[in-house]
Amino acid sequence: MTAQKMNLINALTLILLGLWGYIDVSNYKLATIVSFEHWTALITVLFGIILLLCNKGIQNSNKAIAHVAVVLTLLVLIALVGKRLPISIDQGGVGLFRVLAMSLSSFIAFIAFIRSFIENRKKAL
């Protein structure tokens, strides 16, 4: 799987599961959802949107955008595994599934980026 495709999958995963998590912590109440009371649940959505915006640059082999995307992917992976995963393990439930899915997609995207960087480096030599 190419880095561009994996970035797209990761971005969509972060956006969709992040929105699901936000709606879930808002207890499906419209007033709570529109008040942004639990705005921290939208952090992964923001990262997903930024990664989605980077996708065209990655597809066009823009090194700067690819490096921005890999740093953002690593940041969200560290945040999910280091901060959110232990809390979700304690709480259990469907929130654990969401965090695991977002962590797994971010990890696979990170590996795809690294493999892409290695392949591009070999081609340059």
Protein backbone atom coordinates (compact mmCIF):
# COMPACT_ATOMS: atom_id res chain seq x y z
CA MET A 1 0.00 0.00 0.00
CA THR A 2 1.38 3.40 -0.95
CA ALA A 3 1.96 6.15 1.58
CA GLN A 4 -0.62 8.34 -0.17
CA LYS A 5 -3.35 5.70 0.03
CA MET A 6 -2.54 4.84 3.63
CA ASN A 7 -2.54 8.54 4.55
CA LEU A 8 -6.01 8.85 2.99
CA ILE A 9 -7.28 5.82 4.92
CA ASN A 10 -5.73 7.13 8.15
CA ALA A 11 -7.18 10.62 7.66
CA LEU A 12 -10.67 9.26 7.03
CA THR A 13 -10.36 6.90 10.01
CA LEU A 14 -9.34 9.76 12.30
CA ILE A 15 -12.16 11.96 11.03
CA LEU A 16 -14.96 9.41 11.12
CA LEU A 17 -14.04 7.66 14.37
CA GLY A 18 -13.18 11.00 15.98
CA LEU A 19 -16.62 12.38 15.08
CA TRP A 20 -18.24 9.19 16.36
CA GLY A 21 -16.32 9.57 19.63
CA TYR A 22 -17.32 13.23 19.94
CA ILE A 23 -20.98 12.43 19.41
CA ASP A 24 -20.70 9.50 21.83
CA VAL A 25 -19.18 11.57 24.66
CA SER A 26 -21.86 14.20 24.03
CA ASN A 27 -24.44 11.49 24.87
CA TYR A 28 -26.09 12.03 21.48
CA LYS A 29 -27.65 15.29 22.73
CA LEU A 30 -27.80 17.97 20.04
CA ALA A 31 -27.41 20.83 22.53
CA THR A 32 -24.18 19.31 23.87
CA ILE A 33 -22.88 18.52 20.39
CA VAL A 34 -23.29 22.07 19.06
CA SER A 35 -21.94 23.68 22.25
CA PHE A 36 -18.51 22.01 21.73
CA GLU A 37 -18.49 21.15 25.43
CA HIS A 38 -16.19 18.16 24.81
CA TRP A 39 -13.99 19.85 22.18
CA THR A 40 -10.92 17.75 23.02
CA ALA A 41 -12.68 14.78 21.43
CA LEU A 42 -12.33 16.67 18.14
CA ILE A 43 -8.52 16.76 18.20
CA THR A 44 -8.22 13.60 16.10
CA VAL A 45 -10.76 15.06 13.66
CA LEU A 46 -8.56 18.14 13.26
CA PHE A 47 -5.48 15.99 12.65
CA GLY A 48 -7.47 13.92 10.15
CA ILE A 49 -8.56 17.03 8.24
CA ILE A 50 -4.98 18.33 8.07
CA LEU A 51 -3.75 14.92 6.88
CA LEU A 52 -6.51 14.86 4.28
CA LEU A 53 -5.36 18.26 3.02
CA CYS A 54 -1.80 16.89 2.76
CA ASN A 55 -2.91 13.98 0.60
CA LYS A 56 -2.65 15.76 -2.77
CA GLY A 57 0.89 16.91 -1.99
CA ILE A 58 1.88 13.38 -1.00
CA GLN A 59 0.39 12.08 -4.25
CA ASN A 60 2.49 14.65 -6.17
CA SER A 61 5.64 13.52 -4.30
CA ASN A 62 6.06 16.80 -2.43
CA LYS A 63 8.72 15.98 0.17
CA ALA A 64 7.87 18.87 2.51
CA ILE A 65 4.19 17.93 2.68
CA ALA A 66 5.06 14.25 3.12
CA HIS A 67 7.32 15.13 6.04
CA VAL A 68 4.63 17.31 7.63
CA ALA A 69 2.17 14.44 7.26
CA VAL A 70 4.53 11.89 8.82
CA VAL A 71 5.23 14.20 11.79
CA LEU A 72 1.50 14.78 12.31
CA THR A 73 0.86 11.04 12.03
CA LEU A 74 3.55 10.34 14.62
CA LEU A 75 2.16 13.02 16.95
CA VAL A 76 -1.37 11.64 16.80
CA LEU A 77 -0.05 8.09 17.27
CA ILE A 78 1.92 9.11 20.38
CA ALA A 79 -1.10 11.00 21.75
CA LEU A 80 -3.45 8.09 21.15
CA VAL A 81 -1.17 5.37 22.54
CA GLY A 82 0.41 7.38 25.33
CA LYS A 83 -2.52 9.37 26.64
CA ARG A 84 -5.85 8.09 25.37
CA LEU A 85 -5.30 4.31 25.19
CA PRO A 86 -4.67 3.78 28.94
CA ILE A 87 -7.84 5.73 29.76
CA SER A 88 -9.84 3.75 27.20
CA ILE A 89 -8.50 0.46 28.55
CA ASP A 90 -9.73 1.42 32.03
CA GLN A 91 -13.15 2.52 30.70
CA GLY A 92 -13.56 -0.29 28.18
CA GLY A 93 -16.50 -0.28 25.83
CA VAL A 94 -16.69 0.89 22.26
CA GLY A 95 -14.36 3.81 22.99
CA LEU A 96 -11.52 1.30 23.30
CA PHE A 97 -12.32 -0.02 19.81
CA ARG A 98 -12.22 3.51 18.38
CA VAL A 99 -8.86 4.31 19.99
CA LEU A 100 -7.37 0.98 18.90
CA ALA A 101 -8.60 1.46 15.32
CA MET A 102 -7.23 5.01 15.12
CA SER A 103 -3.92 3.89 16.68
CA LEU A 104 -3.60 0.97 14.28
CA SER A 105 -4.34 3.06 11.20
CA SER A 106 -1.88 5.73 12.34
CA PHE A 107 0.80 3.10 12.99
CA ILE A 108 0.32 1.51 9.58
CA ALA A 109 0.38 4.95 7.90
CA PHE A 110 3.59 5.80 9.76
CA ILE A 111 5.21 2.55 8.56
CA ALA A 112 4.01 3.25 5.00
CA PHE A 113 5.65 6.69 5.13
CA ILE A 114 8.93 5.27 6.40
CA ARG A 115 8.95 2.58 3.70
CA SER A 116 8.21 5.23 1.09
CA PHE A 117 11.06 7.42 2.34
CA ILE A 118 13.45 4.44 2.23
CA GLU A 119 12.35 3.48 -1.31
CA ASN A 120 12.73 7.06 -2.54
CA ARG A 121 16.19 7.27 -0.99
CA LYS A 122 17.26 4.05 -2.73
CA LYS A 123 15.98 5.40 -6.06
CA ALA A 124 17.99 8.60 -5.58
CA LEU A 125 21.26 6.67 -5.12
